[in-house]
Amino acid sequence: MCLAVGGKIKTLDLPFALVDIKGIETCVNVELLENPKNGDYVLVHAGFAIEKIQEEYFNYLDCALKEMLEEDEG
């Protein structure tokens, strides 16, 4: 199964960005995005930001991921 997770761009050093994903900052490639900016919400998969998303959708995905992780813990 493949999973993309939501994150928020903290800083840019093109072609990479430091992205906060659930409190963990990771470096991802942003070359697939048009005009990435600090503060953009993005979907990240396999080290690449693959799409910009709206904050509301980011919040929805964040809640869904939290629920999945809680269910997995058991």
PDB file of N, CA and C in Angstrom:
ATOM      1  N   MET A   1       0.845  -1.176   0.000  1.00  0.00           N
ATOM      2  CA  MET A   1       0.000   0.000   0.000  1.00  0.00           C
ATOM      3  C   MET A   1       0.889   1.238   0.000  1.00  0.00           C
ATOM      4  N   CYS A   2       0.527   2.218  -0.785  1.00  0.00           N
ATOM      5  CA  CYS A   2       1.238   3.493  -0.828  1.00  0.00           C
ATOM      6  C   CYS A   2       0.471   4.518  -0.021  1.00  0.00           C
ATOM      7  N   LEU A   3       1.195   5.413   0.608  1.00  0.00           N
ATOM      8  CA  LEU A   3       0.564   6.425   1.433  1.00  0.00           C
ATOM      9  C   LEU A   3       1.294   7.744   1.260  1.00  0.00           C
ATOM     10  N   ALA A   4       0.535   8.787   0.982  1.00  0.00           N
ATOM     11  CA  ALA A   4       1.082  10.141   0.968  1.00  0.00           C
ATOM     12  C   ALA A   4       0.596  10.819   2.238  1.00  0.00           C
ATOM     13  N   VAL A   5       1.454  11.594   2.864  1.00  0.00           N
ATOM     14  CA  VAL A   5       1.091  12.275   4.105  1.00  0.00           C
ATOM     15  C   VAL A   5       1.175  13.777   3.904  1.00  0.00           C
ATOM     16  N   GLY A   6       0.375  14.499   4.666  1.00  0.00           N
ATOM     17  CA  GLY A   6       0.368  15.948   4.582  1.00  0.00           C
ATOM     18  C   GLY A   6       1.458  16.562   5.433  1.00  0.00           C
ATOM     19  N   GLY A   7       1.989  17.668   4.947  1.00  0.00           N
ATOM     20  CA  GLY A   7       3.003  18.404   5.681  1.00  0.00           C
ATOM     21  C   GLY A   7       2.963  19.869   5.309  1.00  0.00           C
ATOM     22  N   LYS A   8       3.739  20.654   6.038  1.00  0.00           N
ATOM     23  CA  LYS A   8       3.790  22.100   5.803  1.00  0.00           C
ATOM     24  C   LYS A   8       5.232  22.508   5.541  1.00  0.00           C
ATOM     25  N   ILE A   9       5.440  23.236   4.445  1.00  0.00           N
ATOM     26  CA  ILE A   9       6.781  23.711   4.104  1.00  0.00           C
ATOM     27  C   ILE A   9       7.218  24.755   5.120  1.00  0.00           C
ATOM     28  N   LYS A  10       8.388  24.495   5.725  1.00  0.00           N
ATOM     29  CA  LYS A  10       8.961  25.427   6.701  1.00  0.00           C
ATOM     30  C   LYS A  10       9.981  26.359   6.045  1.00  0.00           C
ATOM     31  N   THR A  11      10.905  25.757   5.279  1.00  0.00           N
ATOM     32  CA  THR A  11      11.929  26.543   4.593  1.00  0.00           C
ATOM     33  C   THR A  11      12.211  25.929   3.233  1.00  0.00           C
ATOM     34  N   LEU A  12      12.677  26.758   2.322  1.00  0.00           N
ATOM     35  CA  LEU A  12      13.012  26.310   0.964  1.00  0.00           C
ATOM     36  C   LEU A  12      14.491  26.511   0.682  1.00  0.00           C
ATOM     37  N   ASP A  13      15.085  25.545   0.019  1.00  0.00           N
ATOM     38  CA  ASP A  13      16.429  25.637  -0.542  1.00  0.00           C
ATOM     39  C   ASP A  13      16.362  24.811  -1.822  1.00  0.00           C
ATOM     40  N   LEU A  14      15.710  25.405  -2.838  1.00  0.00           N
ATOM     41  CA  LEU A  14      15.362  24.679  -4.067  1.00  0.00           C
ATOM     42  C   LEU A  14      16.532  23.886  -4.611  1.00  0.00           C
ATOM     43  N   PRO A  15      16.280  22.653  -5.012  1.00  0.00           N
ATOM     44  CA  PRO A  15      14.994  22.010  -5.262  1.00  0.00           C
ATOM     45  C   PRO A  15      14.411  21.276  -4.047  1.00  0.00           C
ATOM     46  N   PHE A  16      14.898  21.598  -2.846  1.00  0.00           N
ATOM     47  CA  PHE A  16      14.422  20.904  -1.651  1.00  0.00           C
ATOM     48  C   PHE A  16      13.715  21.864  -0.707  1.00  0.00           C
ATOM     49  N   ALA A  17      12.946  21.271   0.214  1.00  0.00           N
ATOM     50  CA  ALA A  17      12.274  22.043   1.250  1.00  0.00           C
ATOM     51  C   ALA A  17      12.311  21.244   2.537  1.00  0.00           C
ATOM     52  N   LEU A  18      12.359  21.962   3.649  1.00  0.00           N
ATOM     53  CA  LEU A  18      12.205  21.344   4.948  1.00  0.00           C
ATOM     54  C   LEU A  18      10.707  21.354   5.249  1.00  0.00           C
ATOM     55  N   VAL A  19      10.130  20.158   5.423  1.00  0.00           N
ATOM     56  CA  VAL A  19       8.686  20.023   5.601  1.00  0.00           C
ATOM     57  C   VAL A  19       8.402  19.406   6.962  1.00  0.00           C
ATOM     58  N   ASP A  20       7.458  20.007   7.677  1.00  0.00           N
ATOM     59  CA  ASP A  20       7.017  19.493   8.976  1.00  0.00           C
ATOM     60  C   ASP A  20       5.875  18.506   8.738  1.00  0.00           C
ATOM     61  N   ILE A  21       6.106  17.254   9.132  1.00  0.00           N
ATOM     62  CA  ILE A  21       5.099  16.203   9.024  1.00  0.00           C
ATOM     63  C   ILE A  21       4.856  15.672  10.427  1.00  0.00           C
ATOM     64  N   LYS A  22       3.723  16.059  11.018  1.00  0.00           N
ATOM     65  CA  LYS A  22       3.359  15.627  12.369  1.00  0.00           C
ATOM     66  C   LYS A  22       4.470  15.895  13.375  1.00  0.00           C
ATOM     67  N   GLY A  23       5.113  17.069  13.267  1.00  0.00           N
ATOM     68  CA  GLY A  23       6.140  17.472  14.212  1.00  0.00           C
ATOM     69  C   GLY A  23       7.545  17.007  13.882  1.00  0.00           C
ATOM     70  N   ILE A  24       7.676  16.224  12.817  1.00  0.00           N
ATOM     71  CA  ILE A  24       8.996  15.768  12.395  1.00  0.00           C
ATOM     72  C   ILE A  24       9.373  16.515  11.120  1.00  0.00           C
ATOM     73  N   GLU A  25      10.520  17.196  11.156  1.00  0.00           N
ATOM     74  CA  GLU A  25      10.956  17.946   9.987  1.00  0.00           C
ATOM     75  C   GLU A  25      11.829  17.060   9.109  1.00  0.00           C
ATOM     76  N   THR A  26      11.489  17.029   7.830  1.00  0.00           N
ATOM     77  CA  THR A  26      12.221  16.195   6.881  1.00  0.00           C
ATOM     78  C   THR A  26      12.458  16.957   5.580  1.00  0.00           C
ATOM     79  N   CYS A  27      13.539  16.625   4.915  1.00  0.00           N
ATOM     80  CA  CYS A  27      13.876  17.269   3.652  1.00  0.00           C
ATOM     81  C   CYS A  27      13.202  16.513   2.512  1.00  0.00           C
ATOM     82  N   VAL A  28      12.456  17.233   1.685  1.00  0.00           N
ATOM     83  CA  VAL A  28      11.785  16.617   0.545  1.00  0.00           C
ATOM     84  C   VAL A  28      12.074  17.412  -0.726  1.00  0.00           C
ATOM     85  N   ASN A  29      11.990  16.733  -1.843  1.00  0.00           N
ATOM     86  CA  ASN A  29      12.173  17.360  -3.147  1.00  0.00           C
ATOM     87  C   ASN A  29      10.856  18.025  -3.551  1.00  0.00           C
ATOM     88  N   VAL A  30      10.914  19.278  -3.993  1.00  0.00           N
ATOM     89  CA  VAL A  30       9.708  20.027  -4.371  1.00  0.00           C
ATOM     90  C   VAL A  30       9.670  20.364  -5.865  1.00  0.00           C
ATOM     91  N   GLU A  31      10.493  19.693  -6.656  1.00  0.00           N
ATOM     92  CA  GLU A  31      10.553  19.994  -8.096  1.00  0.00           C
ATOM     93  C   GLU A  31       9.244  19.723  -8.826  1.00  0.00           C
ATOM     94  N   LEU A  32       8.386  18.879  -8.283  1.00  0.00           N
ATOM     95  CA  LEU A  32       7.114  18.569  -8.951  1.00  0.00           C
ATOM     96  C   LEU A  32       6.051  19.648  -8.721  1.00  0.00           C
ATOM     97  N   LEU A  33       6.326  20.595  -7.825  1.00  0.00           N
ATOM     98  CA  LEU A  33       5.357  21.644  -7.499  1.00  0.00           C
ATOM     99  C   LEU A  33       5.612  22.905  -8.312  1.00  0.00           C
ATOM    100  N   GLU A  34       4.531  23.597  -8.610  1.00  0.00           N
ATOM    101  CA  GLU A  34       4.643  24.890  -9.271  1.00  0.00           C
ATOM    102  C   GLU A  34       4.710  25.976  -8.208  1.00  0.00           C
ATOM    103  N   ASN A  35       5.814  26.713  -8.186  1.00  0.00           N
ATOM    104  CA  ASN A  35       6.004  27.852  -7.303  1.00  0.00           C
ATOM    105  C   ASN A  35       5.777  27.516  -5.820  1.00  0.00           C
ATOM    106  N   PRO A  36       6.550  26.586  -5.256  1.00  0.00           N
ATOM    107  CA  PRO A  36       6.385  26.289  -3.827  1.00  0.00           C
ATOM    108  C   PRO A  36       6.822  27.471  -2.968  1.00  0.00           C
ATOM    109  N   LYS A  37       6.137  27.644  -1.825  1.00  0.00           N
ATOM    110  CA  LYS A  37       6.433  28.753  -0.920  1.00  0.00           C
ATOM    111  C   LYS A  37       6.406  28.266   0.519  1.00  0.00           C
ATOM    112  N   ASN A  38       7.130  28.981   1.385  1.00  0.00           N
ATOM    113  CA  ASN A  38       7.047  28.704   2.816  1.00  0.00           C
ATOM    114  C   ASN A  38       5.593  28.815   3.247  1.00  0.00           C
ATOM    115  N   GLY A  39       5.151  27.868   4.072  1.00  0.00           N
ATOM    116  CA  GLY A  39       3.777  27.885   4.562  1.00  0.00           C
ATOM    117  C   GLY A  39       2.805  27.081   3.734  1.00  0.00           C
ATOM    118  N   ASP A  40       3.214  26.651   2.522  1.00  0.00           N
ATOM    119  CA  ASP A  40       2.333  25.810   1.699  1.00  0.00           C
ATOM    120  C   ASP A  40       2.134  24.457   2.367  1.00  0.00           C
ATOM    121  N   TYR A  41       0.919  23.936   2.245  1.00  0.00           N
ATOM    122  CA  TYR A  41       0.623  22.570   2.678  1.00  0.00           C
ATOM    123  C   TYR A  41       0.772  21.670   1.462  1.00  0.00           C
ATOM    124  N   VAL A  42       1.435  20.523   1.675  1.00  0.00           N
ATOM    125  CA  VAL A  42       1.739  19.632   0.557  1.00  0.00           C
ATOM    126  C   VAL A  42       1.497  18.182   0.944  1.00  0.00           C
ATOM    127  N   LEU A  43       1.278  17.349  -0.081  1.00  0.00           N
ATOM    128  CA  LEU A  43       1.269  15.902   0.100  1.00  0.00           C
ATOM    129  C   LEU A  43       2.662  15.392  -0.223  1.00  0.00           C
ATOM    130  N   VAL A  44       3.201  14.545   0.648  1.00  0.00           N
ATOM    131  CA  VAL A  44       4.551  14.021   0.480  1.00  0.00           C
ATOM    132  C   VAL A  44       4.482  12.512   0.321  1.00  0.00           C
ATOM    133  N   HIS A  45       5.153  12.020  -0.709  1.00  0.00           N
ATOM    134  CA  HIS A  45       5.235  10.580  -0.953  1.00  0.00           C
ATOM    135  C   HIS A  45       6.641  10.248  -1.430  1.00  0.00           C
ATOM    136  N   ALA A  46       7.277   9.298  -0.766  1.00  0.00           N
ATOM    137  CA  ALA A  46       8.594   8.788  -1.179  1.00  0.00           C
ATOM    138  C   ALA A  46       9.628   9.904  -1.343  1.00  0.00           C
ATOM    139  N   GLY A  47       9.595  10.890  -0.446  1.00  0.00           N
ATOM    140  CA  GLY A  47      10.590  11.948  -0.478  1.00  0.00           C
ATOM    141  C   GLY A  47      10.302  13.089  -1.437  1.00  0.00           C
ATOM    142  N   PHE A  48       9.127  13.074  -2.058  1.00  0.00           N
ATOM    143  CA  PHE A  48       8.742  14.132  -2.998  1.00  0.00           C
ATOM    144  C   PHE A  48       7.443  14.785  -2.558  1.00  0.00           C
ATOM    145  N   ALA A  49       7.386  16.096  -2.621  1.00  0.00           N
ATOM    146  CA  ALA A  49       6.115  16.808  -2.475  1.00  0.00           C
ATOM    147  C   ALA A  49       5.417  16.672  -3.823  1.00  0.00           C
ATOM    148  N   ILE A  50       4.270  15.997  -3.821  1.00  0.00           N
ATOM    149  CA  ILE A  50       3.632  15.667  -5.100  1.00  0.00           C
ATOM    150  C   ILE A  50       2.467  16.586  -5.448  1.00  0.00           C
ATOM    151  N   GLU A  51       1.963  17.339  -4.453  1.00  0.00           N
ATOM    152  CA  GLU A  51       0.815  18.205  -4.729  1.00  0.00           C
ATOM    153  C   GLU A  51       0.648  19.203  -3.596  1.00  0.00           C
ATOM    154  N   LYS A  52       0.274  20.437  -3.953  1.00  0.00           N
ATOM    155  CA  LYS A  52      -0.139  21.409  -2.939  1.00  0.00           C
ATOM    156  C   LYS A  52      -1.585  21.111  -2.545  1.00  0.00           C
ATOM    157  N   ILE A  53      -1.906  21.317  -1.272  1.00  0.00           N
ATOM    158  CA  ILE A  53      -3.272  21.097  -0.806  1.00  0.00           C
ATOM    159  C   ILE A  53      -3.715  22.280   0.046  1.00  0.00           C
ATOM    160  N   GLN A  54      -5.030  22.410   0.191  1.00  0.00           N
ATOM    161  CA  GLN A  54      -5.595  23.460   1.033  1.00  0.00           C
ATOM    162  C   GLN A  54      -5.441  23.077   2.504  1.00  0.00           C
ATOM    163  N   GLU A  55      -5.392  24.079   3.375  1.00  0.00           N
ATOM    164  CA  GLU A  55      -5.236  23.842   4.808  1.00  0.00           C
ATOM    165  C   GLU A  55      -6.357  22.968   5.362  1.00  0.00           C
ATOM    166  N   GLU A  56      -7.585  23.155   4.883  1.00  0.00           N
ATOM    167  CA  GLU A  56      -8.717  22.363   5.370  1.00  0.00           C
ATOM    168  C   GLU A  56      -8.520  20.880   5.049  1.00  0.00           C
ATOM    169  N   TYR A  57      -8.035  20.581   3.850  1.00  0.00           N
ATOM    170  CA  TYR A  57      -7.786  19.198   3.462  1.00  0.00           C
ATOM    171  C   TYR A  57      -6.620  18.621   4.268  1.00  0.00           C
ATOM    172  N   PHE A  58      -5.595  19.442   4.505  1.00  0.00           N
ATOM    173  CA  PHE A  58      -4.482  19.021   5.346  1.00  0.00           C
ATOM    174  C   PHE A  58      -4.994  18.615   6.728  1.00  0.00           C
ATOM    175  N   ASN A  59      -5.864  19.436   7.326  1.00  0.00           N
ATOM    176  CA  ASN A  59      -6.399  19.131   8.654  1.00  0.00           C
ATOM    177  C   ASN A  59      -7.206  17.836   8.649  1.00  0.00           C
ATOM    178  N   TYR A  60      -7.989  17.618   7.595  1.00  0.00           N
ATOM    179  CA  TYR A  60      -8.752  16.378   7.452  1.00  0.00           C
ATOM    180  C   TYR A  60      -7.814  15.173   7.385  1.00  0.00           C
ATOM    181  N   LEU A  61      -6.784  15.252   6.540  1.00  0.00           N
ATOM    182  CA  LEU A  61      -5.839  14.150   6.409  1.00  0.00           C
ATOM    183  C   LEU A  61      -5.083  13.895   7.705  1.00  0.00           C
ATOM    184  N   ASP A  62      -4.733  14.978   8.404  1.00  0.00           N
ATOM    185  CA  ASP A  62      -4.012  14.864   9.666  1.00  0.00           C
ATOM    186  C   ASP A  62      -4.852  14.106  10.697  1.00  0.00           C
ATOM    187  N   CYS A  63      -6.139  14.434  10.774  1.00  0.00           N
ATOM    188  CA  CYS A  63      -7.048  13.733  11.695  1.00  0.00           C
ATOM    189  C   CYS A  63      -7.202  12.269  11.300  1.00  0.00           C
ATOM    190  N   ALA A  64      -7.350  11.999  10.019  1.00  0.00           N
ATOM    191  CA  ALA A  64      -7.512  10.624   9.550  1.00  0.00           C
ATOM    192  C   ALA A  64      -6.278   9.791   9.875  1.00  0.00           C
ATOM    193  N   LEU A  65      -5.085  10.349   9.676  1.00  0.00           N
ATOM    194  CA  LEU A  65      -3.853   9.629   9.973  1.00  0.00           C
ATOM    195  C   LEU A  65      -3.738   9.373  11.474  1.00  0.00           C
ATOM    196  N   LYS A  66      -4.092  10.369  12.267  1.00  0.00           N
ATOM    197  CA  LYS A  66      -4.056  10.206  13.725  1.00  0.00           C
ATOM    198  C   LYS A  66      -4.972   9.062  14.155  1.00  0.00           C
ATOM    199  N   GLU A  67      -6.178   9.005  13.602  1.00  0.00           N
ATOM    200  CA  GLU A  67      -7.121   7.943  13.938  1.00  0.00           C
ATOM    201  C   GLU A  67      -6.581   6.575  13.527  1.00  0.00           C
ATOM    202  N   MET A  68      -5.974   6.483  12.345  1.00  0.00           N
ATOM    203  CA  MET A  68      -5.403   5.206  11.899  1.00  0.00           C
ATOM    204  C   MET A  68      -4.295   4.742  12.839  1.00  0.00           C
ATOM    205  N   LEU A  69      -3.447   5.665  13.260  1.00  0.00           N
ATOM    206  CA  LEU A  69      -2.351   5.307  14.145  1.00  0.00           C
ATOM    207  C   LEU A  69      -2.873   4.870  15.509  1.00  0.00           C
ATOM    208  N   GLU A  70      -3.916   5.534  16.006  1.00  0.00           N
ATOM    209  CA  GLU A  70      -4.508   5.151  17.286  1.00  0.00           C
ATOM    210  C   GLU A  70      -5.135   3.769  17.204  1.00  0.00           C
ATOM    211  N   GLU A  71      -5.816   3.457  16.107  1.00  0.00           N
ATOM    212  CA  GLU A  71      -6.409   2.132  15.929  1.00  0.00           C
ATOM    213  C   GLU A  71      -5.344   1.057  15.862  1.00  0.00           C
ATOM    214  N   ASP A  72      -4.232   1.372  15.224  1.00  0.00           N
ATOM    215  CA  ASP A  72      -3.146   0.406  15.084  1.00  0.00           C
ATOM    216  C   ASP A  72      -2.519   0.067  16.428  1.00  0.00           C
ATOM    217  N   GLU A  73      -2.485   1.070  17.343  1.00  0.00           N
ATOM    218  CA  GLU A  73      -1.907   0.857  18.666  1.00  0.00           C
ATOM    219  C   GLU A  73      -2.799  -0.025  19.522  1.00  0.00           C
ATOM    220  N   GLY A  74      -4.089  -0.037  19.198  1.00  0.00           N
ATOM    221  CA  GLY A  74      -4.959  -0.887  19.751  1.00  0.00           C
ATOM    222  C   GLY A  74      -5.846  -1.048  20.759  1.00  0.00           C
TER     223      GLY A  74
END
